[in-house]
Amino acid sequence: MAIKNAVQFIKEVRGELSKVEWPKFNEFVGSTIVVLFLVCFFSIYLGLVDLGLSRLAKYIFAEYGG
């Protein structure tokens, strides 16, 4: 029974995947470049925010900490 269900599931997945409109190569490359740019941008941004907040915390603890 489990094998029958697995085979049926695979057939349904293949049917659904055939309905998908896959992106053209240019769209794929363009989207990939945008994603990579945004990941780099936000990585740098969050790194700078983290650096600033850690320096602020060190200053506060050095100035007002016990």
PDB file of N, CA and C in Angstrom:
ATOM      1  N   MET A   1       0.817  -1.190   0.000  1.00  0.00           N
ATOM      2  CA  MET A   1       0.000   0.000   0.000  1.00  0.00           C
ATOM      3  C   MET A   1       0.868   1.263   0.000  1.00  0.00           C
ATOM      4  N   ALA A   2       1.960   1.249   0.773  1.00  0.00           N
ATOM      5  CA  ALA A   2       2.828   2.422   0.864  1.00  0.00           C
ATOM      6  C   ALA A   2       3.508   2.700  -0.469  1.00  0.00           C
ATOM      7  N   ILE A   3       3.873   1.647  -1.186  1.00  0.00           N
ATOM      8  CA  ILE A   3       4.532   1.837  -2.488  1.00  0.00           C
ATOM      9  C   ILE A   3       3.543   2.433  -3.474  1.00  0.00           C
ATOM     10  N   LYS A   4       2.308   2.006  -3.414  1.00  0.00           N
ATOM     11  CA  LYS A   4       1.280   2.554  -4.295  1.00  0.00           C
ATOM     12  C   LYS A   4       1.096   4.051  -4.043  1.00  0.00           C
ATOM     13  N   ASN A   5       1.068   4.418  -2.761  1.00  0.00           N
ATOM     14  CA  ASN A   5       0.922   5.834  -2.409  1.00  0.00           C
ATOM     15  C   ASN A   5       2.134   6.644  -2.872  1.00  0.00           C
ATOM     16  N   ALA A   6       3.325   6.080  -2.734  1.00  0.00           N
ATOM     17  CA  ALA A   6       4.539   6.769  -3.149  1.00  0.00           C
ATOM     18  C   ALA A   6       4.542   6.978  -4.660  1.00  0.00           C
ATOM     19  N   VAL A   7       4.153   5.977  -5.410  1.00  0.00           N
ATOM     20  CA  VAL A   7       4.106   6.083  -6.868  1.00  0.00           C
ATOM     21  C   VAL A   7       3.073   7.130  -7.276  1.00  0.00           C
ATOM     22  N   GLN A   8       1.906   7.104  -6.637  1.00  0.00           N
ATOM     23  CA  GLN A   8       0.868   8.085  -6.935  1.00  0.00           C
ATOM     24  C   GLN A   8       1.361   9.501  -6.625  1.00  0.00           C
ATOM     25  N   PHE A   9       2.051   9.646  -5.499  1.00  0.00           N
ATOM     26  CA  PHE A   9       2.598  10.949  -5.105  1.00  0.00           C
ATOM     27  C   PHE A   9       3.588  11.460  -6.152  1.00  0.00           C
ATOM     28  N   ILE A  10       4.479  10.594  -6.609  1.00  0.00           N
ATOM     29  CA  ILE A  10       5.482  10.982  -7.623  1.00  0.00           C
ATOM     30  C   ILE A  10       4.783  11.407  -8.918  1.00  0.00           C
ATOM     31  N   LYS A  11       3.751  10.678  -9.314  1.00  0.00           N
ATOM     32  CA  LYS A  11       3.017  11.038 -10.531  1.00  0.00           C
ATOM     33  C   LYS A  11       2.364  12.410 -10.386  1.00  0.00           C
ATOM     34  N   GLU A  12       1.784  12.675  -9.217  1.00  0.00           N
ATOM     35  CA  GLU A  12       1.147  13.969  -8.991  1.00  0.00           C
ATOM     36  C   GLU A  12       2.180  15.097  -8.974  1.00  0.00           C
ATOM     37  N   VAL A  13       3.320  14.853  -8.382  1.00  0.00           N
ATOM     38  CA  VAL A  13       4.379  15.862  -8.353  1.00  0.00           C
ATOM     39  C   VAL A  13       4.840  16.174  -9.767  1.00  0.00           C
ATOM     40  N   ARG A  14       5.058  15.149 -10.566  1.00  0.00           N
ATOM     41  CA  ARG A  14       5.480  15.376 -11.959  1.00  0.00           C
ATOM     42  C   ARG A  14       4.425  16.161 -12.730  1.00  0.00           C
ATOM     43  N   GLY A  15       3.159  15.852 -12.482  1.00  0.00           N
ATOM     44  CA  GLY A  15       2.077  16.582 -13.143  1.00  0.00           C
ATOM     45  C   GLY A  15       2.066  18.051 -12.753  1.00  0.00           C
ATOM     46  N   GLU A  16       2.249  18.321 -11.461  1.00  0.00           N
ATOM     47  CA  GLU A  16       2.270  19.717 -10.995  1.00  0.00           C
ATOM     48  C   GLU A  16       3.492  20.459 -11.528  1.00  0.00           C
ATOM     49  N   LEU A  17       4.641  19.787 -11.552  1.00  0.00           N
ATOM     50  CA  LEU A  17       5.852  20.434 -12.055  1.00  0.00           C
ATOM     51  C   LEU A  17       5.757  20.749 -13.549  1.00  0.00           C
ATOM     52  N   SER A  18       4.981  19.966 -14.277  1.00  0.00           N
ATOM     53  CA  SER A  18       4.825  20.252 -15.708  1.00  0.00           C
ATOM     54  C   SER A  18       3.985  21.511 -15.927  1.00  0.00           C
ATOM     55  N   LYS A  19       3.190  21.913 -14.929  1.00  0.00           N
ATOM     56  CA  LYS A  19       2.364  23.121 -15.032  1.00  0.00           C
ATOM     57  C   LYS A  19       3.148  24.389 -14.685  1.00  0.00           C
ATOM     58  N   VAL A  20       4.298  24.229 -14.059  1.00  0.00           N
ATOM     59  CA  VAL A  20       5.076  25.381 -13.616  1.00  0.00           C
ATOM     60  C   VAL A  20       5.659  26.108 -14.819  1.00  0.00           C
ATOM     61  N   GLU A  21       5.556  27.439 -14.806  1.00  0.00           N
ATOM     62  CA  GLU A  21       6.199  28.228 -15.852  1.00  0.00           C
ATOM     63  C   GLU A  21       7.575  28.634 -15.340  1.00  0.00           C
ATOM     64  N   TRP A  22       8.602  27.944 -15.807  1.00  0.00           N
ATOM     65  CA  TRP A  22       9.956  28.178 -15.341  1.00  0.00           C
ATOM     66  C   TRP A  22      10.493  29.464 -15.946  1.00  0.00           C
ATOM     67  N   PRO A  23      11.329  30.203 -15.208  1.00  0.00           N
ATOM     68  CA  PRO A  23      11.865  31.464 -15.740  1.00  0.00           C
ATOM     69  C   PRO A  23      12.837  31.213 -16.887  1.00  0.00           C
ATOM     70  N   LYS A  24      12.906  32.207 -17.765  1.00  0.00           N
ATOM     71  CA  LYS A  24      13.886  32.145 -18.855  1.00  0.00           C
ATOM     72  C   LYS A  24      15.279  32.358 -18.259  1.00  0.00           C
ATOM     73  N   PHE A  25      16.304  32.013 -19.018  1.00  0.00           N
ATOM     74  CA  PHE A  25      17.673  32.092 -18.504  1.00  0.00           C
ATOM     75  C   PHE A  25      18.030  33.519 -18.089  1.00  0.00           C
ATOM     76  N   ASN A  26      17.637  34.505 -18.904  1.00  0.00           N
ATOM     77  CA  ASN A  26      17.951  35.902 -18.575  1.00  0.00           C
ATOM     78  C   ASN A  26      17.270  36.335 -17.280  1.00  0.00           C
ATOM     79  N   GLU A  27      16.021  35.921 -17.088  1.00  0.00           N
ATOM     80  CA  GLU A  27      15.311  36.241 -15.853  1.00  0.00           C
ATOM     81  C   GLU A  27      16.001  35.586 -14.659  1.00  0.00           C
ATOM     82  N   PHE A  28      16.427  34.354 -14.851  1.00  0.00           N
ATOM     83  CA  PHE A  28      17.108  33.603 -13.793  1.00  0.00           C
ATOM     84  C   PHE A  28      18.409  34.301 -13.388  1.00  0.00           C
ATOM     85  N   VAL A  29      19.208  34.688 -14.362  1.00  0.00           N
ATOM     86  CA  VAL A  29      20.484  35.350 -14.079  1.00  0.00           C
ATOM     87  C   VAL A  29      20.234  36.705 -13.422  1.00  0.00           C
ATOM     88  N   GLY A  30      19.275  37.463 -13.939  1.00  0.00           N
ATOM     89  CA  GLY A  30      18.960  38.764 -13.372  1.00  0.00           C
ATOM     90  C   GLY A  30      18.499  38.654 -11.926  1.00  0.00           C
ATOM     91  N   SER A  31      17.621  37.707 -11.652  1.00  0.00           N
ATOM     92  CA  SER A  31      17.131  37.513 -10.286  1.00  0.00           C
ATOM     93  C   SER A  31      18.261  37.076  -9.362  1.00  0.00           C
ATOM     94  N   THR A  32      19.136  36.227  -9.847  1.00  0.00           N
ATOM     95  CA  THR A  32      20.256  35.758  -9.036  1.00  0.00           C
ATOM     96  C   THR A  32      21.186  36.914  -8.677  1.00  0.00           C
ATOM     97  N   ILE A  33      21.446  37.790  -9.642  1.00  0.00           N
ATOM     98  CA  ILE A  33      22.315  38.943  -9.389  1.00  0.00           C
ATOM     99  C   ILE A  33      21.679  39.866  -8.356  1.00  0.00           C
ATOM    100  N   VAL A  34      20.376  40.104  -8.483  1.00  0.00           N
ATOM    101  CA  VAL A  34      19.680  40.954  -7.517  1.00  0.00           C
ATOM    102  C   VAL A  34      19.750  40.354  -6.121  1.00  0.00           C
ATOM    103  N   VAL A  35      19.516  39.057  -6.009  1.00  0.00           N
ATOM    104  CA  VAL A  35      19.554  38.392  -4.708  1.00  0.00           C
ATOM    105  C   VAL A  35      20.958  38.475  -4.107  1.00  0.00           C
ATOM    106  N   LEU A  36      21.982  38.199  -4.892  1.00  0.00           N
ATOM    107  CA  LEU A  36      23.354  38.267  -4.385  1.00  0.00           C
ATOM    108  C   LEU A  36      23.714  39.681  -3.943  1.00  0.00           C
ATOM    109  N   PHE A  37      23.304  40.689  -4.718  1.00  0.00           N
ATOM    110  CA  PHE A  37      23.565  42.077  -4.343  1.00  0.00           C
ATOM    111  C   PHE A  37      22.890  42.417  -3.021  1.00  0.00           C
ATOM    112  N   LEU A  38      21.614  42.036  -2.885  1.00  0.00           N
ATOM    113  CA  LEU A  38      20.888  42.344  -1.654  1.00  0.00           C
ATOM    114  C   LEU A  38      21.478  41.616  -0.446  1.00  0.00           C
ATOM    115  N   VAL A  39      21.901  40.380  -0.636  1.00  0.00           N
ATOM    116  CA  VAL A  39      22.525  39.643   0.467  1.00  0.00           C
ATOM    117  C   VAL A  39      23.812  40.342   0.900  1.00  0.00           C
ATOM    118  N   CYS A  40      24.629  40.753  -0.050  1.00  0.00           N
ATOM    119  CA  CYS A  40      25.870  41.468   0.286  1.00  0.00           C
ATOM    120  C   CYS A  40      25.575  42.800   0.962  1.00  0.00           C
ATOM    121  N   PHE A  41      24.620  43.547   0.429  1.00  0.00           N
ATOM    122  CA  PHE A  41      24.267  44.845   0.996  1.00  0.00           C
ATOM    123  C   PHE A  41      23.802  44.705   2.442  1.00  0.00           C
ATOM    124  N   PHE A  42      22.858  43.804   2.684  1.00  0.00           N
ATOM    125  CA  PHE A  42      22.326  43.656   4.037  1.00  0.00           C
ATOM    126  C   PHE A  42      23.342  43.033   4.987  1.00  0.00           C
ATOM    127  N   SER A  43      24.235  42.205   4.479  1.00  0.00           N
ATOM    128  CA  SER A  43      25.299  41.662   5.323  1.00  0.00           C
ATOM    129  C   SER A  43      26.208  42.787   5.809  1.00  0.00           C
ATOM    130  N   ILE A  44      26.599  43.663   4.898  1.00  0.00           N
ATOM    131  CA  ILE A  44      27.452  44.789   5.280  1.00  0.00           C
ATOM    132  C   ILE A  44      26.698  45.723   6.223  1.00  0.00           C
ATOM    133  N   TYR A  45      25.447  46.029   5.905  1.00  0.00           N
ATOM    134  CA  TYR A  45      24.642  46.915   6.739  1.00  0.00           C
ATOM    135  C   TYR A  45      24.500  46.353   8.155  1.00  0.00           C
ATOM    136  N   LEU A  46      24.111  45.094   8.257  1.00  0.00           N
ATOM    137  CA  LEU A  46      23.930  44.497   9.588  1.00  0.00           C
ATOM    138  C   LEU A  46      25.260  44.373  10.330  1.00  0.00           C
ATOM    139  N   GLY A  47      26.343  44.130   9.605  1.00  0.00           N
ATOM    140  CA  GLY A  47      27.661  44.093  10.234  1.00  0.00           C
ATOM    141  C   GLY A  47      28.034  45.436  10.826  1.00  0.00           C
ATOM    142  N   LEU A  48      27.751  46.512  10.091  1.00  0.00           N
ATOM    143  CA  LEU A  48      28.045  47.850  10.595  1.00  0.00           C
ATOM    144  C   LEU A  48      27.156  48.217  11.786  1.00  0.00           C
ATOM    145  N   VAL A  49      25.887  47.850  11.720  1.00  0.00           N
ATOM    146  CA  VAL A  49      24.995  48.097  12.859  1.00  0.00           C
ATOM    147  C   VAL A  49      25.484  47.327  14.082  1.00  0.00           C
ATOM    148  N   ASP A  50      25.868  46.085  13.895  1.00  0.00           N
ATOM    149  CA  ASP A  50      26.381  45.272  14.996  1.00  0.00           C
ATOM    150  C   ASP A  50      27.647  45.880  15.577  1.00  0.00           C
ATOM    151  N   LEU A  51      28.539  46.321  14.718  1.00  0.00           N
ATOM    152  CA  LEU A  51      29.773  46.951  15.175  1.00  0.00           C
ATOM    153  C   LEU A  51      29.474  48.210  15.985  1.00  0.00           C
ATOM    154  N   GLY A  52      28.575  49.040  15.477  1.00  0.00           N
ATOM    155  CA  GLY A  52      28.212  50.267  16.178  1.00  0.00           C
ATOM    156  C   GLY A  52      27.574  49.990  17.532  1.00  0.00           C
ATOM    157  N   LEU A  53      26.655  49.045  17.563  1.00  0.00           N
ATOM    158  CA  LEU A  53      25.988  48.728  18.828  1.00  0.00           C
ATOM    159  C   LEU A  53      26.940  48.087  19.829  1.00  0.00           C
ATOM    160  N   SER A  54      27.866  47.266  19.357  1.00  0.00           N
ATOM    161  CA  SER A  54      28.819  46.652  20.286  1.00  0.00           C
ATOM    162  C   SER A  54      29.766  47.707  20.861  1.00  0.00           C
ATOM    163  N   ARG A  55      30.185  48.662  20.036  1.00  0.00           N
ATOM    164  CA  ARG A  55      31.033  49.749  20.552  1.00  0.00           C
ATOM    165  C   ARG A  55      30.261  50.629  21.532  1.00  0.00           C
ATOM    166  N   LEU A  56      28.990  50.888  21.237  1.00  0.00           N
ATOM    167  CA  LEU A  56      28.153  51.652  22.149  1.00  0.00           C
ATOM    168  C   LEU A  56      27.994  50.919  23.480  1.00  0.00           C
ATOM    169  N   ALA A  57      27.769  49.622  23.435  1.00  0.00           N
ATOM    170  CA  ALA A  57      27.627  48.840  24.661  1.00  0.00           C
ATOM    171  C   ALA A  57      28.932  48.844  25.449  1.00  0.00           C
ATOM    172  N   LYS A  58      30.069  48.688  24.771  1.00  0.00           N
ATOM    173  CA  LYS A  58      31.362  48.733  25.471  1.00  0.00           C
ATOM    174  C   LYS A  58      31.567  50.090  26.145  1.00  0.00           C
ATOM    175  N   TYR A  59      31.215  51.159  25.444  1.00  0.00           N
ATOM    176  CA  TYR A  59      31.357  52.497  26.018  1.00  0.00           C
ATOM    177  C   TYR A  59      30.468  52.651  27.251  1.00  0.00           C
ATOM    178  N   ILE A  60      29.224  52.229  27.136  1.00  0.00           N
ATOM    179  CA  ILE A  60      28.291  52.362  28.266  1.00  0.00           C
ATOM    180  C   ILE A  60      28.774  51.552  29.460  1.00  0.00           C
ATOM    181  N   PHE A  61      29.199  50.320  29.236  1.00  0.00           N
ATOM    182  CA  PHE A  61      29.660  49.485  30.342  1.00  0.00           C
ATOM    183  C   PHE A  61      30.969  50.007  30.933  1.00  0.00           C
ATOM    184  N   ALA A  62      31.843  50.570  30.097  1.00  0.00           N
ATOM    185  CA  ALA A  62      33.094  51.114  30.604  1.00  0.00           C
ATOM    186  C   ALA A  62      32.836  52.382  31.417  1.00  0.00           C
ATOM    187  N   GLU A  63      31.875  53.176  30.968  1.00  0.00           N
ATOM    188  CA  GLU A  63      31.590  54.454  31.616  1.00  0.00           C
ATOM    189  C   GLU A  63      30.721  54.294  32.863  1.00  0.00           C
ATOM    190  N   TYR A  64      29.707  53.443  32.771  1.00  0.00           N
ATOM    191  CA  TYR A  64      28.718  53.363  33.847  1.00  0.00           C
ATOM    192  C   TYR A  64      28.691  52.009  34.544  1.00  0.00           C
ATOM    193  N   GLY A  65      29.395  51.030  34.000  1.00  0.00           N
ATOM    194  CA  GLY A  65      29.397  49.695  34.615  1.00  0.00           C
ATOM    195  C   GLY A  65      30.249  49.673  35.858  1.00  0.00           C
ATOM    196  N   GLY A  66      29.955  48.743  36.715  1.00  0.00           N
ATOM    197  CA  GLY A  66      30.618  48.633  38.012  1.00  0.00           C
ATOM    198  C   GLY A  66      32.067  48.539  37.915  1.00  0.00           C
TER     199      GLY A  66
END
